[in-house]
Structure formats: C-alpha cells, structure tokens
Amino acid sequence: MLSQATLPFLNEAGTFDLHDLAKHGIIEHDASLVHDDVAPGQVFASVITNQTKVAAIAALSSDGKVLTEHDFARARLAAEAQARPISQEMQANAAGEPALVINVFGRKVGDEMVLDLEAFKSVFGQNRFPKGFVRKAQVITGQDIGAVASRIFADKQEIAAGGA
C-alpha cells in the first residue's frame, strides 16, 4: 500500500513520475531558489532552471569559493522578495531545499555545512551530480537535513530583522 504522503502526487492513472514533483503547493513552491514561480492558473511549475537565478545565488558566496548556510539564508530572502508571498510553513520547508543539497554534496567547516560553488553550479544549475561525486560513508538523516534547514531559516529571520 502506498504511503499517504505519496497520494498528492498520483496522477489520474494512479501512477507517479518525477514531473509530478513540480505540482504546485506540495513540495514545489513559489520563491524557489532556481525555478520560476508557477504561472497563475497552472497546476505545475516550470522545471527549467533559471540560470539568472543560479548566477545571482553564486554571486552571494562570501568568499567566491563556497556557499555557506548564511549565504543560502540570504538567497532565500532574495527569492522570497521577488515572489508572491508564501506561508511561514512553506518558508520553513523551502529552507530544506539547500539543506538537503548541502548535506549530500557539501562538507562541514567549523560548526556549519558549506557547499563548494562548483558543486552548487552542477546541482542547482545543471541538475547533475558534481564532478567526482562520491557517496558519503555516513548516512544522512532527516535530522541532519532538518538541523541545517533550521539554521538557514534562523539565519534568514535574523538577517530580515536587521542582523548580519
């Protein structure tokens, strides 16, 4: 039996394909980091990567080499400023977008995870694994992803309130 979580993605034939993940309002949301918002009246958002958004996020790198959790918080704020308003819950979920990628393709530096700029461009810009990708030996858990997402969300709120 299918999990209840999959039901929103099933199409009329009762099947599921990757394009179904672009169904607006479930996982896909306005204020995406690298995709355009869903057009009014449309059920599915574009799955085409907006390279202008990719370049804008890459430009947020604090050192020109990596994107930090703080850099991604700034990227989330920029994306949300250019989009229709999204709920607080969806904002928190949206922080999971970079958190997942940082956990899978990034590395720990000090107390935070970072993503090499080239890995960012591969994953977000080209929808490809980074060159030389090797699966991590340690299992990445939902708790790991949630911790990074929470830090990104907290950084975003701090920046919005006038912090660093």
Foldseek 3Di string as FASTA:
>chain_A
DDDPLCVQQQDPVRDHDPQSVQQEDNLNYQLAQFFHHADPPDRGGDPAGRVVSLVVLCVLDPVSWKQWLLSVLVSSVVSCVPTDHDDPVSSLSSLLVVLVQQVFAWADDPPTTIHTSQQSCCCRVVVHGHPPDDGDPDDQDPVSSSVSSVVSSVSNVCVVVPHD
